[in-house]
Amino acid sequence: MNTLVSGASGLIGTALVERLLGGGGGGGTGAVTRLIRNGPSAAGPVPGVTDVGWMPDRGQIDVAALDRAGPFDAVVHLAGAGIGDRRWSPKRKQEILDSRTDSTRLLVDTLLRLADRPPVLISASAVGFYGDRGDEVLTEESPTGTGFLADVARAWEAAAQPAADNGIRTVHLRTGIVLSRHGGAWGKQLPLFRVGLGGRMGPGDQYRSWITLEDEIGVVLHCLTHDDLSGPVNATAPSPATDAELAKAVGTVLHRPTVMVVPAPALRLVLGAEMANELILGGQRVLPAVLTERGYAFAHPELHEAVRSVLLPTA
């Protein structure tokens, strides 16, 4: 299996490349081509991995190198600037949007120009597509919501649509919060919980749609190998939890108190009202209806067991 991966240096991308190279879990063994900014990695060659340079913000990609590395059996597109890395100034919001839409358009346009087009594209999206919906149960059939993150997700998915229109099976992977101790937004909060300073954010009743990193990779591989999957797919566990429930589960596993509360006004003051309201104080109660219907078996479907598997992996 020869797979082209963008965003390969991120949390999900790194784990995915390892699985693709290591085989198992439906991924098989084979080669991986990583789209890397500024060309091949300075760390030197990696067995089974080819690096191809691209600069999506400049509309540049090495098409000749891609042709040499191909043909590809699959493409997984994960590139995009972090939504929680910095305060949302107008400039940063534009960077978040452009990093997703520009890279997706460039990649799709390039795939359509290759001598051998890949049969499948898994293109990242997010549960932010649904906007802040309170305790409403959401599936792939639910309409989009409002707000900046919903606008970004819609534009992101629209940028990948030409691939589907031209015969490439395309999956829009709407991912929730990825539980991993190795990084990501959730992983960055763990040091506070380990010293007993963790707790809920704001009221704590906002829903968090989560998935373990292991299942996120499993879902990607499932989508790659099941030809009947296309369109939106919610990459979330079947048991979304409130912010307070998630905090309590972490505290229980770590045997630490979770009585700390970060007040909503403080979050709005530090992050700005829009970022705080959408990213932390809002939420989505998302179910993986498509995956359930198509037989994906979650390794970690329940919250407490999932948190335990992430924080105490040898237990």
C-alpha atoms as a PDB file:
ATOM      1  CA  MET A   1       0.000   0.000   0.000  1.00  0.00           C
ATOM      2  CA  ASN A   2       1.428   3.369  -1.033  1.00  0.00           C
ATOM      3  CA  THR A   3      -0.088   6.269   0.914  1.00  0.00           C
ATOM      4  CA  LEU A   4       0.389  10.012   0.512  1.00  0.00           C
ATOM      5  CA  VAL A   5       0.050  11.920   3.813  1.00  0.00           C
ATOM      6  CA  SER A   6      -0.034  15.639   4.517  1.00  0.00           C
ATOM      7  CA  GLY A   7       0.254  16.964   8.070  1.00  0.00           C
ATOM      8  CA  ALA A   8       2.468  13.954   8.790  1.00  0.00           C
ATOM      9  CA  SER A   9       4.400  15.712  11.566  1.00  0.00           C
ATOM     10  CA  GLY A  10       1.302  16.374  13.684  1.00  0.00           C
ATOM     11  CA  LEU A  11      -0.143  14.222  16.443  1.00  0.00           C
ATOM     12  CA  ILE A  12      -2.443  12.217  14.178  1.00  0.00           C
ATOM     13  CA  GLY A  13      -0.122  12.221  11.181  1.00  0.00           C
ATOM     14  CA  THR A  14       2.857  10.890  13.140  1.00  0.00           C
ATOM     15  CA  ALA A  15       0.832   8.025  14.593  1.00  0.00           C
ATOM     16  CA  LEU A  16      -0.729   7.255  11.219  1.00  0.00           C
ATOM     17  CA  VAL A  17       2.613   7.036   9.434  1.00  0.00           C
ATOM     18  CA  GLU A  18       3.904   4.676  12.118  1.00  0.00           C
ATOM     19  CA  ARG A  19       0.873   2.424  11.664  1.00  0.00           C
ATOM     20  CA  LEU A  20       1.112   2.473   7.888  1.00  0.00           C
ATOM     21  CA  LEU A  21       4.770   1.517   7.998  1.00  0.00           C
ATOM     22  CA  GLY A  22       4.313  -1.043  10.772  1.00  0.00           C
ATOM     23  CA  GLY A  23       1.313  -2.750   9.232  1.00  0.00           C
ATOM     24  CA  GLY A  24      -1.596  -4.305  11.085  1.00  0.00           C
ATOM     25  CA  GLY A  25      -4.992  -2.898  11.903  1.00  0.00           C
ATOM     26  CA  GLY A  26      -6.068  -2.995   8.278  1.00  0.00           C
ATOM     27  CA  GLY A  27      -3.317  -0.608   7.208  1.00  0.00           C
ATOM     28  CA  GLY A  28      -1.043  -3.206   5.728  1.00  0.00           C
ATOM     29  CA  THR A  29       2.620  -2.637   5.045  1.00  0.00           C
ATOM     30  CA  GLY A  30       4.017  -0.477   2.338  1.00  0.00           C
ATOM     31  CA  ALA A  31       5.370   2.921   1.487  1.00  0.00           C
ATOM     32  CA  VAL A  32       4.473   6.380   2.727  1.00  0.00           C
ATOM     33  CA  THR A  33       5.044   9.692   0.988  1.00  0.00           C
ATOM     34  CA  ARG A  34       4.933  12.724   3.264  1.00  0.00           C
ATOM     35  CA  LEU A  35       4.205  16.205   2.018  1.00  0.00           C
ATOM     36  CA  ILE A  36       6.787  18.290   3.851  1.00  0.00           C
ATOM     37  CA  ARG A  37       7.285  22.040   3.900  1.00  0.00           C
ATOM     38  CA  ASN A  38      10.686  23.101   2.545  1.00  0.00           C
ATOM     39  CA  GLY A  39      11.346  19.734   0.968  1.00  0.00           C
ATOM     40  CA  PRO A  40      12.904  16.535   2.345  1.00  0.00           C
ATOM     41  CA  SER A  41      13.470  16.300   6.073  1.00  0.00           C
ATOM     42  CA  ALA A  42      16.858  17.339   7.397  1.00  0.00           C
ATOM     43  CA  ALA A  43      16.714  14.348   9.755  1.00  0.00           C
ATOM     44  CA  GLY A  44      17.678  12.105   6.880  1.00  0.00           C
ATOM     45  CA  PRO A  45      15.919   9.265   5.059  1.00  0.00           C
ATOM     46  CA  VAL A  46      13.424   7.019   6.824  1.00  0.00           C
ATOM     47  CA  PRO A  47      12.985   3.464   5.506  1.00  0.00           C
ATOM     48  CA  GLY A  48       9.787   3.235   3.525  1.00  0.00           C
ATOM     49  CA  VAL A  49       9.219   7.007   3.548  1.00  0.00           C
ATOM     50  CA  THR A  50       9.600   9.487   0.700  1.00  0.00           C
ATOM     51  CA  ASP A  51       9.418  13.218   1.371  1.00  0.00           C
ATOM     52  CA  VAL A  52       8.021  15.611  -1.222  1.00  0.00           C
ATOM     53  CA  GLY A  53       8.178  19.354  -0.788  1.00  0.00           C
ATOM     54  CA  TRP A  54       5.220  21.694  -0.865  1.00  0.00           C
ATOM     55  CA  MET A  55       4.378  25.231   0.242  1.00  0.00           C
ATOM     56  CA  PRO A  56       0.575  25.419   0.199  1.00  0.00           C
ATOM     57  CA  ASP A  57       0.486  29.072   1.235  1.00  0.00           C
ATOM     58  CA  ARG A  58       2.411  29.830  -1.953  1.00  0.00           C
ATOM     59  CA  GLY A  59       0.542  27.346  -4.130  1.00  0.00           C
ATOM     60  CA  GLN A  60       3.705  25.299  -4.679  1.00  0.00           C
ATOM     61  CA  ILE A  61       4.050  21.525  -4.806  1.00  0.00           C
ATOM     62  CA  ASP A  62       6.603  19.259  -6.479  1.00  0.00           C
ATOM     63  CA  VAL A  63       4.363  17.490  -8.999  1.00  0.00           C
ATOM     64  CA  ALA A  64       7.261  15.704 -10.686  1.00  0.00           C
ATOM     65  CA  ALA A  65       8.380  14.235  -7.358  1.00  0.00           C
ATOM     66  CA  LEU A  66       4.829  13.108  -6.622  1.00  0.00           C
ATOM     67  CA  ASP A  67       4.639  11.354  -9.972  1.00  0.00           C
ATOM     68  CA  ARG A  68       7.900   9.569  -9.180  1.00  0.00           C
ATOM     69  CA  ALA A  69       6.692   8.548  -5.726  1.00  0.00           C
ATOM     70  CA  GLY A  70       3.325   7.308  -7.006  1.00  0.00           C
ATOM     71  CA  PRO A  71       1.031   5.848  -7.987  1.00  0.00           C
ATOM     72  CA  PHE A  72      -0.763   6.179  -4.668  1.00  0.00           C
ATOM     73  CA  ASP A  73      -3.306   3.755  -3.295  1.00  0.00           C
ATOM     74  CA  ALA A  74      -4.651   6.400  -0.920  1.00  0.00           C
ATOM     75  CA  VAL A  75      -4.229  10.005   0.239  1.00  0.00           C
ATOM     76  CA  VAL A  76      -4.750  11.260   3.798  1.00  0.00           C
ATOM     77  CA  HIS A  77      -4.859  15.037   4.126  1.00  0.00           C
ATOM     78  CA  LEU A  78      -4.359  16.302   7.682  1.00  0.00           C
ATOM     79  CA  ALA A  79      -2.619  19.652   7.218  1.00  0.00           C
ATOM     80  CA  GLY A  80      -3.914  22.783   8.955  1.00  0.00           C
ATOM     81  CA  ALA A  81      -2.839  25.407  11.474  1.00  0.00           C
ATOM     82  CA  GLY A  82      -3.767  24.768  15.102  1.00  0.00           C
ATOM     83  CA  ILE A  83      -7.027  26.398  16.156  1.00  0.00           C
ATOM     84  CA  GLY A  84      -6.034  26.786  19.792  1.00  0.00           C
ATOM     85  CA  ASP A  85      -2.394  27.756  19.496  1.00  0.00           C
ATOM     86  CA  ARG A  86      -2.912  31.522  19.591  1.00  0.00           C
ATOM     87  CA  ARG A  87      -5.578  34.104  20.355  1.00  0.00           C
ATOM     88  CA  TRP A  88      -7.966  34.620  17.451  1.00  0.00           C
ATOM     89  CA  SER A  89      -6.966  37.933  15.966  1.00  0.00           C
ATOM     90  CA  PRO A  90      -8.420  38.672  12.514  1.00  0.00           C
ATOM     91  CA  LYS A  91      -5.032  37.724  11.050  1.00  0.00           C
ATOM     92  CA  ARG A  92      -4.899  34.422  12.930  1.00  0.00           C
ATOM     93  CA  LYS A  93      -8.439  33.520  11.908  1.00  0.00           C
ATOM     94  CA  GLN A  94      -7.506  34.086   8.283  1.00  0.00           C
ATOM     95  CA  GLU A  95      -4.421  31.892   8.730  1.00  0.00           C
ATOM     96  CA  ILE A  96      -6.543  29.100  10.219  1.00  0.00           C
ATOM     97  CA  LEU A  97      -8.968  29.251   7.304  1.00  0.00           C
ATOM     98  CA  ASP A  98      -6.353  29.618   4.574  1.00  0.00           C
ATOM     99  CA  SER A  99      -4.147  26.825   5.948  1.00  0.00           C
ATOM    100  CA  ARG A 100      -7.027  24.418   5.407  1.00  0.00           C
ATOM    101  CA  THR A 101      -8.660  25.654   2.226  1.00  0.00           C
ATOM    102  CA  ASP A 102      -5.488  26.608   0.330  1.00  0.00           C
ATOM    103  CA  SER A 103      -3.733  23.335   1.131  1.00  0.00           C
ATOM    104  CA  THR A 104      -6.819  21.290   0.255  1.00  0.00           C
ATOM    105  CA  ARG A 105      -7.376  23.042  -3.070  1.00  0.00           C
ATOM    106  CA  LEU A 106      -3.705  22.687  -4.004  1.00  0.00           C
ATOM    107  CA  LEU A 107      -3.634  19.012  -3.081  1.00  0.00           C
ATOM    108  CA  VAL A 108      -6.880  18.152  -4.877  1.00  0.00           C
ATOM    109  CA  ASP A 109      -5.890  20.095  -7.999  1.00  0.00           C
ATOM    110  CA  THR A 110      -2.578  18.234  -8.021  1.00  0.00           C
ATOM    111  CA  LEU A 111      -4.152  14.808  -7.525  1.00  0.00           C
ATOM    112  CA  LEU A 112      -6.423  15.424 -10.479  1.00  0.00           C
ATOM    113  CA  ARG A 113      -3.380  16.196 -12.634  1.00  0.00           C
ATOM    114  CA  LEU A 114      -1.424  13.054 -11.741  1.00  0.00           C
ATOM    115  CA  ALA A 115      -1.010  10.421 -14.407  1.00  0.00           C
ATOM    116  CA  ASP A 116      -2.568   7.876 -12.024  1.00  0.00           C
ATOM    117  CA  ARG A 117      -5.198   9.357  -9.738  1.00  0.00           C
ATOM    118  CA  PRO A 118      -5.520   7.802  -6.269  1.00  0.00           C
ATOM    119  CA  PRO A 119      -8.798   5.965  -5.681  1.00  0.00           C
ATOM    120  CA  VAL A 120      -9.477   7.475  -2.231  1.00  0.00           C
ATOM    121  CA  LEU A 121      -8.901  10.722  -0.339  1.00  0.00           C
ATOM    122  CA  ILE A 122      -9.433  11.047   3.413  1.00  0.00           C
ATOM    123  CA  SER A 123      -9.623  14.784   4.075  1.00  0.00           C
ATOM    124  CA  ALA A 124      -9.620  16.097   7.634  1.00  0.00           C
ATOM    125  CA  SER A 125     -12.509  18.130   8.977  1.00  0.00           C
ATOM    126  CA  ALA A 126     -13.848  18.678  12.497  1.00  0.00           C
ATOM    127  CA  VAL A 127     -16.951  18.465  14.657  1.00  0.00           C
ATOM    128  CA  GLY A 128     -16.840  22.245  14.697  1.00  0.00           C
ATOM    129  CA  PHE A 129     -18.862  21.836  11.487  1.00  0.00           C
ATOM    130  CA  TYR A 130     -21.964  21.550  13.691  1.00  0.00           C
ATOM    131  CA  GLY A 131     -21.366  24.706  15.707  1.00  0.00           C
ATOM    132  CA  ASP A 132     -22.380  25.054  19.352  1.00  0.00           C
ATOM    133  CA  ARG A 133     -25.527  22.906  19.664  1.00  0.00           C
ATOM    134  CA  GLY A 134     -25.998  22.379  23.401  1.00  0.00           C
ATOM    135  CA  ASP A 135     -27.204  18.848  24.212  1.00  0.00           C
ATOM    136  CA  GLU A 136     -28.697  18.197  20.751  1.00  0.00           C
ATOM    137  CA  VAL A 137     -27.674  14.768  19.446  1.00  0.00           C
ATOM    138  CA  LEU A 138     -25.798  15.198  16.166  1.00  0.00           C
ATOM    139  CA  THR A 139     -25.013  12.758  13.359  1.00  0.00           C
ATOM    140  CA  GLU A 140     -23.594  13.124   9.876  1.00  0.00           C
ATOM    141  CA  GLU A 141     -27.098  14.006   8.661  1.00  0.00           C
ATOM    142  CA  SER A 142     -27.378  16.989  11.004  1.00  0.00           C
ATOM    143  CA  PRO A 143     -27.140  20.403   9.359  1.00  0.00           C
ATOM    144  CA  THR A 144     -24.159  22.648   9.811  1.00  0.00           C
ATOM    145  CA  GLY A 145     -24.098  25.245  12.554  1.00  0.00           C
ATOM    146  CA  THR A 146     -22.988  28.840  12.872  1.00  0.00           C
ATOM    147  CA  GLY A 147     -19.796  30.530  13.980  1.00  0.00           C
ATOM    148  CA  PHE A 148     -16.200  30.763  12.837  1.00  0.00           C
ATOM    149  CA  LEU A 149     -15.336  27.077  13.298  1.00  0.00           C
ATOM    150  CA  ALA A 150     -18.442  25.980  11.404  1.00  0.00           C
ATOM    151  CA  ASP A 151     -17.545  28.378   8.587  1.00  0.00           C
ATOM    152  CA  VAL A 152     -14.023  26.950   8.467  1.00  0.00           C
ATOM    153  CA  ALA A 153     -15.219  23.341   8.394  1.00  0.00           C
ATOM    154  CA  ARG A 154     -17.711  24.041   5.602  1.00  0.00           C
ATOM    155  CA  ALA A 155     -15.075  25.768   3.486  1.00  0.00           C
ATOM    156  CA  TRP A 156     -12.582  22.993   4.253  1.00  0.00           C
ATOM    157  CA  GLU A 157     -14.945  20.282   3.057  1.00  0.00           C
ATOM    158  CA  ALA A 158     -15.989  22.303   0.024  1.00  0.00           C
ATOM    159  CA  ALA A 159     -12.339  22.603  -1.024  1.00  0.00           C
ATOM    160  CA  ALA A 160     -12.098  18.802  -1.176  1.00  0.00           C
ATOM    161  CA  GLN A 161     -15.346  18.346  -3.113  1.00  0.00           C
ATOM    162  CA  PRO A 162     -13.768  18.528  -6.604  1.00  0.00           C
ATOM    163  CA  ALA A 163     -11.991  15.259  -5.814  1.00  0.00           C
ATOM    164  CA  ALA A 164     -15.342  13.543  -5.283  1.00  0.00           C
ATOM    165  CA  ASP A 165     -16.796  15.271  -8.341  1.00  0.00           C
ATOM    166  CA  ASN A 166     -14.015  13.751 -10.429  1.00  0.00           C
ATOM    167  CA  GLY A 167     -14.362  10.168  -9.268  1.00  0.00           C
ATOM    168  CA  ILE A 168     -12.059   9.995  -6.225  1.00  0.00           C
ATOM    169  CA  ARG A 169     -13.836   8.439  -3.255  1.00  0.00           C
ATOM    170  CA  THR A 170     -13.672  11.243  -0.707  1.00  0.00           C
ATOM    171  CA  VAL A 171     -14.259  11.079   3.052  1.00  0.00           C
ATOM    172  CA  HIS A 172     -14.610  14.216   5.189  1.00  0.00           C
ATOM    173  CA  LEU A 173     -13.336  13.070   8.581  1.00  0.00           C
ATOM    174  CA  ARG A 174     -15.052  15.185  11.243  1.00  0.00           C
ATOM    175  CA  THR A 175     -12.800  14.594  14.220  1.00  0.00           C
ATOM    176  CA  GLY A 176     -13.551  15.498  17.825  1.00  0.00           C
ATOM    177  CA  ILE A 177     -11.116  15.991  20.725  1.00  0.00           C
ATOM    178  CA  VAL A 178      -8.294  13.464  20.373  1.00  0.00           C
ATOM    179  CA  LEU A 179      -7.299  11.890  23.677  1.00  0.00           C
ATOM    180  CA  SER A 180      -3.546  11.371  23.783  1.00  0.00           C
ATOM    181  CA  ARG A 181      -0.893  11.947  26.399  1.00  0.00           C
ATOM    182  CA  HIS A 182       1.581  12.790  23.639  1.00  0.00           C
ATOM    183  CA  GLY A 183       0.153  16.134  22.625  1.00  0.00           C
ATOM    184  CA  GLY A 184      -2.809  17.872  21.110  1.00  0.00           C
ATOM    185  CA  ALA A 185      -5.090  20.273  22.933  1.00  0.00           C
ATOM    186  CA  TRP A 186      -6.171  17.656  25.497  1.00  0.00           C
ATOM    187  CA  GLY A 187      -2.631  16.470  26.161  1.00  0.00           C
ATOM    188  CA  LYS A 188      -1.516  20.009  26.980  1.00  0.00           C
ATOM    189  CA  GLN A 189      -3.987  20.123  29.898  1.00  0.00           C
ATOM    190  CA  LEU A 190      -2.739  16.926  31.547  1.00  0.00           C
ATOM    191  CA  PRO A 191       0.123  18.479  33.585  1.00  0.00           C
ATOM    192  CA  LEU A 192      -2.458  20.532  35.519  1.00  0.00           C
ATOM    193  CA  PHE A 193      -4.490  17.425  36.286  1.00  0.00           C
ATOM    194  CA  ARG A 194      -1.394  15.519  37.402  1.00  0.00           C
ATOM    195  CA  VAL A 195      -0.694  18.100  40.110  1.00  0.00           C
ATOM    196  CA  GLY A 196      -4.319  18.365  41.214  1.00  0.00           C
ATOM    197  CA  LEU A 197      -5.111  21.636  39.460  1.00  0.00           C
ATOM    198  CA  GLY A 198      -7.427  20.253  36.814  1.00  0.00           C
ATOM    199  CA  GLY A 199     -11.138  20.783  36.603  1.00  0.00           C
ATOM    200  CA  ARG A 200     -13.995  21.928  34.462  1.00  0.00           C
ATOM    201  CA  MET A 201     -14.017  24.862  32.085  1.00  0.00           C
ATOM    202  CA  GLY A 202     -16.869  27.295  32.628  1.00  0.00           C
ATOM    203  CA  PRO A 203     -20.206  25.643  33.482  1.00  0.00           C
ATOM    204  CA  GLY A 204     -18.928  22.178  32.569  1.00  0.00           C
ATOM    205  CA  ASP A 205     -22.185  21.115  30.902  1.00  0.00           C
ATOM    206  CA  GLN A 206     -20.902  21.690  27.370  1.00  0.00           C
ATOM    207  CA  TYR A 207     -20.478  18.429  25.465  1.00  0.00           C
ATOM    208  CA  ARG A 208     -17.093  17.128  24.372  1.00  0.00           C
ATOM    209  CA  SER A 209     -17.085  14.686  21.490  1.00  0.00           C
ATOM    210  CA  TRP A 210     -13.867  12.741  21.955  1.00  0.00           C
ATOM    211  CA  ILE A 211     -11.904   9.869  20.458  1.00  0.00           C
ATOM    212  CA  THR A 212      -8.679   8.170  21.499  1.00  0.00           C
ATOM    213  CA  LEU A 213      -5.685   8.515  19.215  1.00  0.00           C
ATOM    214  CA  GLU A 214      -5.721   4.738  18.745  1.00  0.00           C
ATOM    215  CA  ASP A 215      -9.292   4.845  17.476  1.00  0.00           C
ATOM    216  CA  GLU A 216      -8.637   7.928  15.348  1.00  0.00           C
ATOM    217  CA  ILE A 217      -5.979   5.977  13.462  1.00  0.00           C
ATOM    218  CA  GLY A 218      -8.253   2.948  13.368  1.00  0.00           C
ATOM    219  CA  VAL A 219     -11.024   5.033  11.830  1.00  0.00           C
ATOM    220  CA  VAL A 220      -8.687   6.434   9.163  1.00  0.00           C
ATOM    221  CA  LEU A 221      -7.581   2.915   8.216  1.00  0.00           C
ATOM    222  CA  HIS A 222     -11.197   1.713   8.254  1.00  0.00           C
ATOM    223  CA  CYS A 223     -12.170   4.487   5.852  1.00  0.00           C
ATOM    224  CA  LEU A 224      -9.219   3.716   3.603  1.00  0.00           C
ATOM    225  CA  THR A 225     -10.111   0.056   3.274  1.00  0.00           C
ATOM    226  CA  HIS A 226     -13.906   0.219   3.032  1.00  0.00           C
ATOM    227  CA  ASP A 227     -15.008   1.251  -0.432  1.00  0.00           C
ATOM    228  CA  ASP A 228     -18.581   1.919   0.686  1.00  0.00           C
ATOM    229  CA  LEU A 229     -17.543   4.876   2.850  1.00  0.00           C
ATOM    230  CA  SER A 230     -17.645   8.375   1.438  1.00  0.00           C
ATOM    231  CA  GLY A 231     -18.848  11.820   2.433  1.00  0.00           C
ATOM    232  CA  PRO A 232     -18.904  12.995   6.066  1.00  0.00           C
ATOM    233  CA  VAL A 233     -17.778  10.568   8.758  1.00  0.00           C
ATOM    234  CA  ASN A 234     -17.799  11.539  12.435  1.00  0.00           C
ATOM    235  CA  ALA A 235     -14.545  10.404  14.033  1.00  0.00           C
ATOM    236  CA  THR A 236     -15.866  10.435  17.590  1.00  0.00           C
ATOM    237  CA  ALA A 237     -16.469   7.759  20.202  1.00  0.00           C
ATOM    238  CA  PRO A 238     -20.114   6.697  20.696  1.00  0.00           C
ATOM    239  CA  SER A 239     -20.260   8.174  24.217  1.00  0.00           C
ATOM    240  CA  PRO A 240     -19.743  11.948  24.157  1.00  0.00           C
ATOM    241  CA  ALA A 241     -19.340  13.462  27.611  1.00  0.00           C
ATOM    242  CA  THR A 242     -19.699  16.846  29.210  1.00  0.00           C
ATOM    243  CA  ASP A 243     -16.630  18.868  30.065  1.00  0.00           C
ATOM    244  CA  ALA A 244     -17.206  18.151  33.753  1.00  0.00           C
ATOM    245  CA  GLU A 245     -17.533  14.407  33.115  1.00  0.00           C
ATOM    246  CA  LEU A 246     -14.327  14.362  31.119  1.00  0.00           C
ATOM    247  CA  ALA A 247     -12.467  16.259  33.854  1.00  0.00           C
ATOM    248  CA  LYS A 248     -13.828  13.884  36.509  1.00  0.00           C
ATOM    249  CA  ALA A 249     -12.718  10.833  34.509  1.00  0.00           C
ATOM    250  CA  VAL A 250      -9.178  12.194  34.255  1.00  0.00           C
ATOM    251  CA  GLY A 251      -9.094  12.952  37.983  1.00  0.00           C
ATOM    252  CA  THR A 252     -10.405   9.500  38.861  1.00  0.00           C
ATOM    253  CA  VAL A 253      -7.799   7.717  36.760  1.00  0.00           C
ATOM    254  CA  LEU A 254      -4.968   9.888  38.126  1.00  0.00           C
ATOM    255  CA  HIS A 255      -6.347   9.857  41.681  1.00  0.00           C
ATOM    256  CA  ARG A 256      -6.344  13.641  41.744  1.00  0.00           C
ATOM    257  CA  PRO A 257      -9.039  16.149  42.734  1.00  0.00           C
ATOM    258  CA  THR A 258     -10.870  18.017  39.982  1.00  0.00           C
ATOM    259  CA  VAL A 259     -12.450  20.793  42.011  1.00  0.00           C
ATOM    260  CA  MET A 260     -10.790  23.640  40.158  1.00  0.00           C
ATOM    261  CA  VAL A 261     -13.060  25.721  37.930  1.00  0.00           C
ATOM    262  CA  VAL A 262     -11.948  28.172  35.283  1.00  0.00           C
ATOM    263  CA  PRO A 263     -14.766  30.753  35.187  1.00  0.00           C
ATOM    264  CA  ALA A 264     -16.246  31.634  31.818  1.00  0.00           C
ATOM    265  CA  PRO A 265     -15.495  35.371  32.254  1.00  0.00           C
ATOM    266  CA  ALA A 266     -11.829  34.580  32.837  1.00  0.00           C
ATOM    267  CA  LEU A 267     -11.680  32.474  29.683  1.00  0.00           C
ATOM    268  CA  ARG A 268     -13.278  35.248  27.653  1.00  0.00           C
ATOM    269  CA  LEU A 269     -10.853  37.782  29.109  1.00  0.00           C
ATOM    270  CA  VAL A 270      -7.762  35.719  28.319  1.00  0.00           C
ATOM    271  CA  LEU A 271      -8.784  34.238  24.961  1.00  0.00           C
ATOM    272  CA  GLY A 272     -11.300  36.759  23.692  1.00  0.00           C
ATOM    273  CA  ALA A 273     -15.032  36.166  23.715  1.00  0.00           C
ATOM    274  CA  GLU A 274     -15.294  34.518  20.297  1.00  0.00           C
ATOM    275  CA  MET A 275     -12.475  32.015  20.832  1.00  0.00           C
ATOM    276  CA  ALA A 276     -13.587  31.165  24.379  1.00  0.00           C
ATOM    277  CA  ASN A 277     -17.241  30.743  23.421  1.00  0.00           C
ATOM    278  CA  GLU A 278     -16.594  28.540  20.392  1.00  0.00           C
ATOM    279  CA  LEU A 279     -13.549  26.556  21.410  1.00  0.00           C
ATOM    280  CA  ILE A 280     -14.131  25.988  25.132  1.00  0.00           C
ATOM    281  CA  LEU A 281     -17.556  27.104  26.337  1.00  0.00           C
ATOM    282  CA  GLY A 282     -19.455  25.718  23.353  1.00  0.00           C
ATOM    283  CA  GLY A 283     -19.755  22.062  22.478  1.00  0.00           C
ATOM    284  CA  GLN A 284     -21.191  19.357  20.275  1.00  0.00           C
ATOM    285  CA  ARG A 285     -22.836  16.055  21.231  1.00  0.00           C
ATOM    286  CA  VAL A 286     -21.767  14.073  18.182  1.00  0.00           C
ATOM    287  CA  LEU A 287     -22.418  10.389  17.486  1.00  0.00           C
ATOM    288  CA  PRO A 288     -20.482   8.284  14.929  1.00  0.00           C
ATOM    289  CA  ALA A 289     -23.601   7.054  13.151  1.00  0.00           C
ATOM    290  CA  VAL A 290     -21.879   6.154   9.878  1.00  0.00           C
ATOM    291  CA  LEU A 291     -19.081   4.202  11.554  1.00  0.00           C
ATOM    292  CA  THR A 292     -21.570   2.348  13.729  1.00  0.00           C
ATOM    293  CA  GLU A 293     -23.713   1.447  10.731  1.00  0.00           C
ATOM    294  CA  ARG A 294     -20.672   0.278   8.740  1.00  0.00           C
ATOM    295  CA  GLY A 295     -19.344  -1.971  11.478  1.00  0.00           C
ATOM    296  CA  TYR A 296     -16.378  -0.127  12.939  1.00  0.00           C
ATOM    297  CA  ALA A 297     -15.569  -1.616  16.362  1.00  0.00           C
ATOM    298  CA  PHE A 298     -14.172   1.045  18.670  1.00  0.00           C
ATOM    299  CA  ALA A 299     -11.231  -0.053  20.789  1.00  0.00           C
ATOM    300  CA  HIS A 300     -12.282   2.486  23.425  1.00  0.00           C
ATOM    301  CA  PRO A 301     -16.011   3.285  23.241  1.00  0.00           C
ATOM    302  CA  GLU A 302     -16.526   4.316  26.893  1.00  0.00           C
ATOM    303  CA  LEU A 303     -15.019   7.389  28.527  1.00  0.00           C
ATOM    304  CA  HIS A 304     -13.494   6.045  31.745  1.00  0.00           C
ATOM    305  CA  GLU A 305     -11.846   3.071  30.059  1.00  0.00           C
ATOM    306  CA  ALA A 306     -10.610   5.310  27.256  1.00  0.00           C
ATOM    307  CA  VAL A 307      -9.014   7.800  29.642  1.00  0.00           C
ATOM    308  CA  ARG A 308      -7.448   4.952  31.587  1.00  0.00           C
ATOM    309  CA  SER A 309      -6.018   3.382  28.420  1.00  0.00           C
ATOM    310  CA  VAL A 310      -4.450   6.711  27.445  1.00  0.00           C
ATOM    311  CA  LEU A 311      -3.061   7.712  30.836  1.00  0.00           C
ATOM    312  CA  LEU A 312      -2.145   4.252  32.143  1.00  0.00           C
ATOM    313  CA  PRO A 313      -1.320   2.336  28.967  1.00  0.00           C
ATOM    314  CA  THR A 314       0.464  -0.540  30.741  1.00  0.00           C
ATOM    315  CA  ALA A 315      -2.247  -1.044  33.369  1.00  0.00           C
END
